[in-house]
PDB file of N, CA and C in Angstrom:
ATOM      1  N   MET A   1      13.336  -2.904   0.966  1.00  0.00           N
ATOM      2  CA  MET A   1      11.986  -2.179   0.340  1.00  0.00           C
ATOM      3  C   MET A   1      11.455  -0.669   1.150  1.00  0.00           C
ATOM      4  N   THR A   2      11.398   0.449   0.902  1.00  0.00           N
ATOM      5  CA  THR A   2      11.310   1.646   1.590  1.00  0.00           C
ATOM      6  C   THR A   2       9.870   1.527   1.547  1.00  0.00           C
ATOM      7  N   MET A   3       8.808   1.890   2.235  1.00  0.00           N
ATOM      8  CA  MET A   3       7.714   2.500   2.378  1.00  0.00           C
ATOM      9  C   MET A   3       7.347   3.796   2.195  1.00  0.00           C
ATOM     10  N   GLN A   4       6.739   4.285   1.178  1.00  0.00           N
ATOM     11  CA  GLN A   4       6.539   5.717   1.177  1.00  0.00           C
ATOM     12  C   GLN A   4       5.306   6.441   1.979  1.00  0.00           C
ATOM     13  N   GLN A   5       5.033   7.542   2.692  1.00  0.00           N
ATOM     14  CA  GLN A   5       4.004   7.524   3.293  1.00  0.00           C
ATOM     15  C   GLN A   5       2.924   8.641   2.560  1.00  0.00           C
ATOM     16  N   HIS A   6       1.826   7.797   2.872  1.00  0.00           N
ATOM     17  CA  HIS A   6       0.946   8.384   2.994  1.00  0.00           C
ATOM     18  C   HIS A   6       0.640   9.832   2.254  1.00  0.00           C
ATOM     19  N   ASN A   7       1.294  10.906   3.558  1.00  0.00           N
ATOM     20  CA  ASN A   7       1.099  12.500   3.304  1.00  0.00           C
ATOM     21  C   ASN A   7       2.474  12.746   4.532  1.00  0.00           C
ATOM     22  N   PRO A   8       3.597  12.437   3.627  1.00  0.00           N
ATOM     23  CA  PRO A   8       4.807  12.981   4.667  1.00  0.00           C
ATOM     24  C   PRO A   8       4.719  14.383   5.529  1.00  0.00           C
ATOM     25  N   PRO A   9       4.808  14.670   6.709  1.00  0.00           N
ATOM     26  CA  PRO A   9       4.812  16.474   6.875  1.00  0.00           C
ATOM     27  C   PRO A   9       5.932  17.128   5.997  1.00  0.00           C
ATOM     28  N   HIS A  10       5.492  18.401   6.023  1.00  0.00           N
ATOM     29  CA  HIS A  10       6.846  18.854   5.653  1.00  0.00           C
ATOM     30  C   HIS A  10       7.697  19.064   7.136  1.00  0.00           C
ATOM     31  N   VAL A  11       8.870  19.485   6.425  1.00  0.00           N
ATOM     32  CA  VAL A  11      10.095  19.554   8.090  1.00  0.00           C
ATOM     33  C   VAL A  11       9.950  20.576   9.000  1.00  0.00           C
ATOM     34  N   GLY A  12       9.246  21.312   8.122  1.00  0.00           N
ATOM     35  CA  GLY A  12       9.339  22.611   9.517  1.00  0.00           C
ATOM     36  C   GLY A  12       8.223  22.453  10.214  1.00  0.00           C
ATOM     37  N   GLY A  13       7.168  21.646  10.265  1.00  0.00           N
ATOM     38  CA  GLY A  13       6.179  20.842  11.030  1.00  0.00           C
ATOM     39  C   GLY A  13       6.737  20.209  11.615  1.00  0.00           C
ATOM     40  N   LEU A  14       7.444  19.027  11.343  1.00  0.00           N
ATOM     41  CA  LEU A  14       8.050  18.206  12.139  1.00  0.00           C
ATOM     42  C   LEU A  14       9.142  18.678  13.164  1.00  0.00           C
ATOM     43  N   ILE A  15       9.655  19.521  12.701  1.00  0.00           N
ATOM     44  CA  ILE A  15      10.983  20.444  14.055  1.00  0.00           C
ATOM     45  C   ILE A  15       9.901  21.079  14.968  1.00  0.00           C
ATOM     46  N   TYR A  16       8.576  21.849  14.508  1.00  0.00           N
ATOM     47  CA  TYR A  16       8.179  22.414  15.241  1.00  0.00           C
ATOM     48  C   TYR A  16       7.190  21.412  16.637  1.00  0.00           C
ATOM     49  N   ARG A  17       6.922  20.700  15.871  1.00  0.00           N
ATOM     50  CA  ARG A  17       6.164  19.448  16.910  1.00  0.00           C
ATOM     51  C   ARG A  17       6.697  18.210  17.706  1.00  0.00           C
ATOM     52  N   THR A  18       8.779  18.273  17.492  1.00  0.00           N
ATOM     53  CA  THR A  18       9.193  17.284  17.882  1.00  0.00           C
ATOM     54  C   THR A  18      10.378  18.366  19.121  1.00  0.00           C
ATOM     55  N   TYR A  19      10.736  19.445  18.591  1.00  0.00           N
ATOM     56  CA  TYR A  19      11.387  20.606  19.274  1.00  0.00           C
ATOM     57  C   TYR A  19      11.206  21.745  19.700  1.00  0.00           C
ATOM     58  N   ILE A  20       9.792  21.734  19.812  1.00  0.00           N
ATOM     59  CA  ILE A  20       9.515  23.588  20.138  1.00  0.00           C
ATOM     60  C   ILE A  20       8.624  22.945  21.185  1.00  0.00           C
ATOM     61  N   GLU A  21       7.654  22.408  20.330  1.00  0.00           N
ATOM     62  CA  GLU A  21       5.716  22.391  21.168  1.00  0.00           C
ATOM     63  C   GLU A  21       5.901  21.577  22.407  1.00  0.00           C
ATOM     64  N   PRO A  22       6.670  20.787  22.703  1.00  0.00           N
ATOM     65  CA  PRO A  22       6.647  19.888  23.665  1.00  0.00           C
ATOM     66  C   PRO A  22       7.366  20.254  25.105  1.00  0.00           C
ATOM     67  N   PHE A  23       8.519  21.542  24.285  1.00  0.00           N
ATOM     68  CA  PHE A  23       9.426  21.939  25.820  1.00  0.00           C
ATOM     69  C   PHE A  23       8.851  23.546  26.232  1.00  0.00           C
ATOM     70  N   ASN A  24       8.749  23.777  27.266  1.00  0.00           N
ATOM     71  CA  ASN A  24       8.177  24.889  27.574  1.00  0.00           C
ATOM     72  C   ASN A  24       9.172  25.837  27.679  1.00  0.00           C
ATOM     73  N   ASP A  25      10.735  25.762  27.586  1.00  0.00           N
ATOM     74  CA  ASP A  25      12.039  26.549  27.559  1.00  0.00           C
ATOM     75  C   ASP A  25      12.815  26.544  26.699  1.00  0.00           C
ATOM     76  N   ILE A  26      12.142  25.940  24.914  1.00  0.00           N
ATOM     77  CA  ILE A  26      12.369  25.922  23.842  1.00  0.00           C
ATOM     78  C   ILE A  26      11.361  26.657  23.045  1.00  0.00           C
ATOM     79  N   SER A  27      12.293  27.837  22.396  1.00  0.00           N
ATOM     80  CA  SER A  27      11.218  28.535  21.784  1.00  0.00           C
ATOM     81  C   SER A  27      11.796  28.623  19.713  1.00  0.00           C
ATOM     82  N   ALA A  28      11.044  29.032  19.276  1.00  0.00           N
ATOM     83  CA  ALA A  28      11.622  28.838  17.550  1.00  0.00           C
ATOM     84  C   ALA A  28      12.610  29.892  17.757  1.00  0.00           C
ATOM     85  N   ASN A  29      12.734  31.019  18.237  1.00  0.00           N
ATOM     86  CA  ASN A  29      13.440  32.472  18.555  1.00  0.00           C
ATOM     87  C   ASN A  29      15.107  31.472  19.062  1.00  0.00           C
ATOM     88  N   LYS A  30      14.891  30.961  19.939  1.00  0.00           N
ATOM     89  CA  LYS A  30      16.015  29.725  20.636  1.00  0.00           C
ATOM     90  C   LYS A  30      16.572  29.183  19.908  1.00  0.00           C
ATOM     91  N   ILE A  31      15.846  28.228  18.662  1.00  0.00           N
ATOM     92  CA  ILE A  31      16.315  27.764  17.741  1.00  0.00           C
ATOM     93  C   ILE A  31      17.274  28.566  16.678  1.00  0.00           C
ATOM     94  N   ALA A  32      16.397  29.509  16.256  1.00  0.00           N
ATOM     95  CA  ALA A  32      16.731  30.256  14.960  1.00  0.00           C
ATOM     96  C   ALA A  32      18.223  30.852  15.838  1.00  0.00           C
ATOM     97  N   ASP A  33      17.908  31.422  16.898  1.00  0.00           N
ATOM     98  CA  ASP A  33      19.620  32.389  17.127  1.00  0.00           C
ATOM     99  C   ASP A  33      21.051  31.082  17.421  1.00  0.00           C
ATOM    100  N   SER A  34      20.385  29.999  17.990  1.00  0.00           N
ATOM    101  CA  SER A  34      21.460  28.576  17.814  1.00  0.00           C
ATOM    102  C   SER A  34      21.351  28.323  16.590  1.00  0.00           C
ATOM    103  N   LEU A  35      20.947  28.362  15.355  1.00  0.00           N
ATOM    104  CA  LEU A  35      21.511  27.871  14.042  1.00  0.00           C
ATOM    105  C   LEU A  35      21.698  28.976  13.471  1.00  0.00           C
ATOM    106  N   GLY A  36      21.983  30.021  13.575  1.00  0.00           N
ATOM    107  CA  GLY A  36      22.889  31.124  13.276  1.00  0.00           C
ATOM    108  C   GLY A  36      21.892  31.723  12.107  1.00  0.00           C
ATOM    109  N   VAL A  37      20.879  31.988  12.345  1.00  0.00           N
ATOM    110  CA  VAL A  37      19.980  32.283  11.152  1.00  0.00           C
ATOM    111  C   VAL A  37      18.410  33.064  11.702  1.00  0.00           C
ATOM    112  N   ALA A  38      18.357  34.466  10.850  1.00  0.00           N
ATOM    113  CA  ALA A  38      17.503  35.357  11.122  1.00  0.00           C
ATOM    114  C   ALA A  38      16.109  34.440  11.807  1.00  0.00           C
ATOM    115  N   ARG A  39      15.637  34.805  12.547  1.00  0.00           N
ATOM    116  CA  ARG A  39      14.591  34.335  13.435  1.00  0.00           C
ATOM    117  C   ARG A  39      13.091  34.066  12.309  1.00  0.00           C
ATOM    118  N   SER A  40      13.311  35.153  11.217  1.00  0.00           N
ATOM    119  CA  SER A  40      12.421  35.293  10.103  1.00  0.00           C
ATOM    120  C   SER A  40      12.463  33.829   8.972  1.00  0.00           C
ATOM    121  N   THR A  41      13.605  33.709   8.859  1.00  0.00           N
ATOM    122  CA  THR A  41      13.862  32.449   8.226  1.00  0.00           C
ATOM    123  C   THR A  41      13.517  31.447   8.841  1.00  0.00           C
ATOM    124  N   PHE A  42      13.742  31.104   9.869  1.00  0.00           N
ATOM    125  CA  PHE A  42      13.094  29.603  10.703  1.00  0.00           C
ATOM    126  C   PHE A  42      11.887  29.457  10.755  1.00  0.00           C
ATOM    127  N   ASN A  43      11.140  30.901  11.122  1.00  0.00           N
ATOM    128  CA  ASN A  43       9.703  30.826  11.681  1.00  0.00           C
ATOM    129  C   ASN A  43       9.169  30.801   9.752  1.00  0.00           C
ATOM    130  N   ARG A  44       9.773  30.970   8.591  1.00  0.00           N
ATOM    131  CA  ARG A  44       9.416  30.931   7.294  1.00  0.00           C
ATOM    132  C   ARG A  44       9.052  29.050   7.269  1.00  0.00           C
ATOM    133  N   LEU A  45      10.258  28.748   7.825  1.00  0.00           N
ATOM    134  CA  LEU A  45      10.838  26.753   7.987  1.00  0.00           C
ATOM    135  C   LEU A  45       9.466  26.083   8.492  1.00  0.00           C
ATOM    136  N   ILE A  46       9.543  26.691   9.901  1.00  0.00           N
ATOM    137  CA  ILE A  46       8.573  25.953  10.836  1.00  0.00           C
ATOM    138  C   ILE A  46       6.977  26.354  10.533  1.00  0.00           C
ATOM    139  N   ASN A  47       6.586  27.359   9.514  1.00  0.00           N
ATOM    140  CA  ASN A  47       5.235  27.710   9.013  1.00  0.00           C
ATOM    141  C   ASN A  47       4.979  26.790   8.053  1.00  0.00           C
ATOM    142  N   GLY A  48       5.926  26.254   7.400  1.00  0.00           N
ATOM    143  CA  GLY A  48       6.189  25.473   5.789  1.00  0.00           C
ATOM    144  C   GLY A  48       5.841  26.584   5.086  1.00  0.00           C
ATOM    145  N   VAL A  49       5.946  27.819   5.422  1.00  0.00           N
ATOM    146  CA  VAL A  49       6.257  28.433   3.973  1.00  0.00           C
ATOM    147  C   VAL A  49       7.513  28.492   3.117  1.00  0.00           C
ATOM    148  N   SER A  50       8.461  28.153   4.075  1.00  0.00           N
ATOM    149  CA  SER A  50       9.810  27.581   3.095  1.00  0.00           C
ATOM    150  C   SER A  50      10.240  26.956   3.413  1.00  0.00           C
ATOM    151  N   ASP A  51      10.684  25.789   1.837  1.00  0.00           N
ATOM    152  CA  ASP A  51      11.177  24.254   1.791  1.00  0.00           C
ATOM    153  C   ASP A  51      12.701  24.371   2.630  1.00  0.00           C
ATOM    154  N   LEU A  52      13.610  23.499   2.890  1.00  0.00           N
ATOM    155  CA  LEU A  52      14.585  23.135   3.906  1.00  0.00           C
ATOM    156  C   LEU A  52      15.665  23.227   2.606  1.00  0.00           C
ATOM    157  N   SER A  53      16.602  24.019   2.892  1.00  0.00           N
ATOM    158  CA  SER A  53      18.026  23.942   1.714  1.00  0.00           C
ATOM    159  C   SER A  53      19.090  23.354   2.351  1.00  0.00           C
ATOM    160  N   PRO A  54      20.056  22.797   1.435  1.00  0.00           N
ATOM    161  CA  PRO A  54      20.947  21.979   1.973  1.00  0.00           C
ATOM    162  C   PRO A  54      21.381  22.949   3.251  1.00  0.00           C
ATOM    163  N   GLU A  55      21.724  24.019   3.032  1.00  0.00           N
ATOM    164  CA  GLU A  55      22.520  24.597   4.052  1.00  0.00           C
ATOM    165  C   GLU A  55      21.767  24.893   5.624  1.00  0.00           C
ATOM    166  N   MET A  56      20.839  24.855   5.526  1.00  0.00           N
ATOM    167  CA  MET A  56      20.126  24.850   6.651  1.00  0.00           C
ATOM    168  C   MET A  56      20.181  23.455   7.091  1.00  0.00           C
ATOM    169  N   ALA A  57      20.155  22.097   6.316  1.00  0.00           N
ATOM    170  CA  ALA A  57      19.917  20.794   7.058  1.00  0.00           C
ATOM    171  C   ALA A  57      21.119  21.116   8.023  1.00  0.00           C
ATOM    172  N   ILE A  58      22.476  21.244   7.123  1.00  0.00           N
ATOM    173  CA  ILE A  58      23.893  20.945   7.651  1.00  0.00           C
ATOM    174  C   ILE A  58      23.631  21.929   9.096  1.00  0.00           C
ATOM    175  N   ARG A  59      23.216  23.120   9.248  1.00  0.00           N
ATOM    176  CA  ARG A  59      22.917  23.605  10.546  1.00  0.00           C
ATOM    177  C   ARG A  59      22.049  22.987  11.458  1.00  0.00           C
ATOM    178  N   LEU A  60      21.076  22.436  10.854  1.00  0.00           N
ATOM    179  CA  LEU A  60      19.940  21.452  11.648  1.00  0.00           C
ATOM    180  C   LEU A  60      20.785  20.275  12.193  1.00  0.00           C
ATOM    181  N   SER A  61      21.268  19.596  11.300  1.00  0.00           N
ATOM    182  CA  SER A  61      22.366  18.448  12.015  1.00  0.00           C
ATOM    183  C   SER A  61      23.165  18.686  13.314  1.00  0.00           C
ATOM    184  N   ALA A  62      23.847  19.738  13.117  1.00  0.00           N
ATOM    185  CA  ALA A  62      24.605  20.775  13.815  1.00  0.00           C
ATOM    186  C   ALA A  62      24.242  21.093  15.403  1.00  0.00           C
ATOM    187  N   VAL A  63      22.526  21.118  15.239  1.00  0.00           N
ATOM    188  CA  VAL A  63      22.190  21.942  16.437  1.00  0.00           C
ATOM    189  C   VAL A  63      21.071  20.726  17.503  1.00  0.00           C
ATOM    190  N   LEU A  64      20.175  20.671  15.945  1.00  0.00           N
ATOM    191  CA  LEU A  64      19.267  19.459  16.786  1.00  0.00           C
ATOM    192  C   LEU A  64      19.875  17.777  16.443  1.00  0.00           C
ATOM    193  N   GLY A  65      20.891  17.911  15.829  1.00  0.00           N
ATOM    194  CA  GLY A  65      21.432  16.082  15.969  1.00  0.00           C
ATOM    195  C   GLY A  65      20.697  15.713  13.918  1.00  0.00           C
ATOM    196  N   GLY A  66      21.137  14.061  14.309  1.00  0.00           N
ATOM    197  CA  GLY A  66      20.695  13.800  12.699  1.00  0.00           C
ATOM    198  C   GLY A  66      21.545  14.030  11.486  1.00  0.00           C
ATOM    199  N   SER A  67      21.776  13.678  10.493  1.00  0.00           N
ATOM    200  CA  SER A  67      22.471  13.948   9.753  1.00  0.00           C
ATOM    201  C   SER A  67      21.619  14.846   8.448  1.00  0.00           C
ATOM    202  N   PRO A  68      22.446  15.686   7.680  1.00  0.00           N
ATOM    203  CA  PRO A  68      21.862  16.862   6.588  1.00  0.00           C
ATOM    204  C   PRO A  68      21.403  15.844   6.204  1.00  0.00           C
ATOM    205  N   GLU A  69      21.923  14.470   5.427  1.00  0.00           N
ATOM    206  CA  GLU A  69      20.996  14.028   4.596  1.00  0.00           C
ATOM    207  C   GLU A  69      19.983  13.496   5.320  1.00  0.00           C
ATOM    208  N   SER A  70      19.234  13.065   6.030  1.00  0.00           N
ATOM    209  CA  SER A  70      18.497  12.691   6.830  1.00  0.00           C
ATOM    210  C   SER A  70      17.294  14.006   6.599  1.00  0.00           C
ATOM    211  N   TRP A  71      17.725  15.238   7.531  1.00  0.00           N
ATOM    212  CA  TRP A  71      17.068  15.999   7.085  1.00  0.00           C
ATOM    213  C   TRP A  71      16.384  16.712   5.576  1.00  0.00           C
ATOM    214  N   LEU A  72      17.310  16.329   4.783  1.00  0.00           N
ATOM    215  CA  LEU A  72      16.887  16.531   3.278  1.00  0.00           C
ATOM    216  C   LEU A  72      16.396  15.691   2.303  1.00  0.00           C
ATOM    217  N   ARG A  73      16.441  14.449   3.059  1.00  0.00           N
ATOM    218  CA  ARG A  73      15.394  13.080   2.681  1.00  0.00           C
ATOM    219  C   ARG A  73      14.272  13.330   3.192  1.00  0.00           C
ATOM    220  N   LEU A  74      13.832  14.323   4.230  1.00  0.00           N
ATOM    221  CA  LEU A  74      12.519  14.611   4.757  1.00  0.00           C
ATOM    222  C   LEU A  74      12.086  15.520   3.603  1.00  0.00           C
ATOM    223  N   GLN A  75      12.664  16.505   3.595  1.00  0.00           N
ATOM    224  CA  GLN A  75      11.976  17.330   2.502  1.00  0.00           C
ATOM    225  C   GLN A  75      11.760  16.650   1.397  1.00  0.00           C
ATOM    226  N   GLU A  76      12.909  15.774   0.533  1.00  0.00           N
ATOM    227  CA  GLU A  76      12.683  15.690  -0.509  1.00  0.00           C
ATOM    228  C   GLU A  76      11.201  14.646  -0.375  1.00  0.00           C
ATOM    229  N   ASN A  77      11.253  13.715   0.184  1.00  0.00           N
ATOM    230  CA  ASN A  77       9.636  12.748   0.429  1.00  0.00           C
ATOM    231  C   ASN A  77       8.473  13.547   0.797  1.00  0.00           C
ATOM    232  N   TYR A  78       9.028  14.826   1.180  1.00  0.00           N
ATOM    233  CA  TYR A  78       7.569  15.946   1.055  1.00  0.00           C
ATOM    234  C   TYR A  78       7.112  16.517  -0.277  1.00  0.00           C
ATOM    235  N   ASP A  79       8.308  17.159  -0.898  1.00  0.00           N
ATOM    236  CA  ASP A  79       8.607  17.401  -2.173  1.00  0.00           C
ATOM    237  C   ASP A  79       7.586  16.680  -3.110  1.00  0.00           C
ATOM    238  N   LEU A  80       8.275  15.214  -3.009  1.00  0.00           N
ATOM    239  CA  LEU A  80       8.168  14.169  -4.012  1.00  0.00           C
ATOM    240  C   LEU A  80       6.512  13.603  -3.864  1.00  0.00           C
ATOM    241  N   TRP A  81       5.924  13.481  -2.671  1.00  0.00           N
ATOM    242  CA  TRP A  81       4.318  13.718  -2.247  1.00  0.00           C
ATOM    243  C   TRP A  81       3.802  14.856  -2.880  1.00  0.00           C
ATOM    244  N   LYS A  82       3.792  15.956  -3.014  1.00  0.00           N
ATOM    245  CA  LYS A  82       3.445  17.071  -3.398  1.00  0.00           C
ATOM    246  C   LYS A  82       2.968  16.750  -4.829  1.00  0.00           C
ATOM    247  N   ALA A  83       4.380  16.699  -5.692  1.00  0.00           N
ATOM    248  CA  ALA A  83       4.939  16.513  -7.194  1.00  0.00           C
ATOM    249  C   ALA A  83       3.871  15.025  -7.598  1.00  0.00           C
ATOM    250  N   LYS A  84       3.756  14.591  -7.026  1.00  0.00           N
ATOM    251  CA  LYS A  84       2.909  12.753  -7.337  1.00  0.00           C
ATOM    252  C   LYS A  84       1.453  13.660  -7.680  1.00  0.00           C
ATOM    253  N   GLY A  85       0.910  14.334  -6.641  1.00  0.00           N
ATOM    254  CA  GLY A  85      -0.316  14.539  -6.469  1.00  0.00           C
ATOM    255  C   GLY A  85      -0.535  16.250  -7.550  1.00  0.00           C
ATOM    256  N   LYS A  86       0.568  16.614  -8.341  1.00  0.00           N
ATOM    257  CA  LYS A  86      -0.072  17.703  -9.240  1.00  0.00           C
ATOM    258  C   LYS A  86       0.475  16.888 -10.981  1.00  0.00           C
ATOM    259  N   VAL A  87       1.110  15.599 -11.156  1.00  0.00           N
ATOM    260  CA  VAL A  87       1.903  15.346 -12.889  1.00  0.00           C
ATOM    261  C   VAL A  87       1.206  14.529 -12.528  1.00  0.00           C
ATOM    262  N   ASN A  88       0.392  14.574 -13.995  1.00  0.00           N
ATOM    263  CA  ASN A  88      -0.636  13.440 -14.114  1.00  0.00           C
ATOM    264  C   ASN A  88       0.667  12.766 -15.238  1.00  0.00           C
ATOM    265  N   THR A  89       0.419  11.650 -15.139  1.00  0.00           N
ATOM    266  CA  THR A  89       1.120  10.552 -16.140  1.00  0.00           C
ATOM    267  C   THR A  89       0.211   9.551 -16.472  1.00  0.00           C
ATOM    268  N   GLU A  90      -1.019  10.050 -16.898  1.00  0.00           N
ATOM    269  CA  GLU A  90      -1.857   9.082 -17.707  1.00  0.00           C
ATOM    270  C   GLU A  90      -1.425   9.050 -19.075  1.00  0.00           C
ATOM    271  N   LYS A  91      -1.023  10.110 -19.874  1.00  0.00           N
ATOM    272  CA  LYS A  91      -0.503  10.205 -21.541  1.00  0.00           C
ATOM    273  C   LYS A  91       0.874   9.882 -21.452  1.00  0.00           C
ATOM    274  N   LEU A  92       1.372   9.275 -20.522  1.00  0.00           N
ATOM    275  CA  LEU A  92       3.173   9.241 -21.248  1.00  0.00           C
ATOM    276  C   LEU A  92       2.936   7.610 -20.630  1.00  0.00           C
ATOM    277  N   ASN A  93       4.225   7.589 -21.826  1.00  0.00           N
ATOM    278  CA  ASN A  93       4.198   6.153 -22.254  1.00  0.00           C
ATOM    279  C   ASN A  93       5.809   5.514 -22.025  1.00  0.00           C
ATOM    280  N   ARG A  94       5.704   4.372 -21.289  1.00  0.00           N
ATOM    281  CA  ARG A  94       7.496   4.297 -21.008  1.00  0.00           C
ATOM    282  C   ARG A  94       8.125   3.993 -22.138  1.00  0.00           C
ATOM    283  N   ILE A  95       9.540   4.155 -22.835  1.00  0.00           N
ATOM    284  CA  ILE A  95      10.397   3.587 -23.561  1.00  0.00           C
ATOM    285  C   ILE A  95      10.517   2.127 -23.862  1.00  0.00           C
ATOM    286  N   ASP A  96      10.575   1.537 -24.561  1.00  0.00           N
ATOM    287  CA  ASP A  96      11.085  -0.040 -24.404  1.00  0.00           C
ATOM    288  C   ASP A  96      12.729   0.043 -24.843  1.00  0.00           C
ATOM    289  N   PHE A  97      13.381   0.443 -24.523  1.00  0.00           N
ATOM    290  CA  PHE A  97      14.682   0.368 -24.405  1.00  0.00           C
ATOM    291  C   PHE A  97      15.357  -0.966 -25.423  1.00  0.00           C
ATOM    292  N   ASP A  98      14.493  -1.855 -25.103  1.00  0.00           N
ATOM    293  CA  ASP A  98      15.414  -3.365 -26.176  1.00  0.00           C
ATOM    294  C   ASP A  98      14.433  -3.325 -27.162  1.00  0.00           C
ATOM    295  N   VAL A  99      13.741  -2.402 -27.922  1.00  0.00           N
ATOM    296  CA  VAL A  99      13.281  -2.675 -28.965  1.00  0.00           C
ATOM    297  C   VAL A  99      13.798  -1.515 -30.221  1.00  0.00           C
ATOM    298  N   VAL A 100      14.278  -0.397 -29.190  1.00  0.00           N
ATOM    299  CA  VAL A 100      14.990   0.678 -29.966  1.00  0.00           C
ATOM    300  C   VAL A 100      16.445   0.335 -30.245  1.00  0.00           C
ATOM    301  N   ALA A 101      16.749   0.014 -31.002  1.00  0.00           N
ATOM    302  CA  ALA A 101      18.531   0.268 -32.166  1.00  0.00           C
ATOM    303  C   ALA A 101      18.935   0.830 -33.364  1.00  0.00           C
TER     304      ALA A 101
END
């Protein structure tokens, strides 16, 4: 059974807090250069302006570790949490497929 986080972090914030903030000699620009992406692109990600793409997940896996799937799972958890706050399901009814024939 998997537990849903109450408020999962945006993957960019997690990257910032884990890989940049604790280290004096690691900057967002250094990671962006290592990823082979524009510094502005990476800054949009770590500032939560842009979401993680599959391509970026592959790059993060190669540079920071973890699997591309684990990076995408973080983004998916964040997206799902946001959607649950927006989508009203009160007036939706489940279809009983045993009755439909």
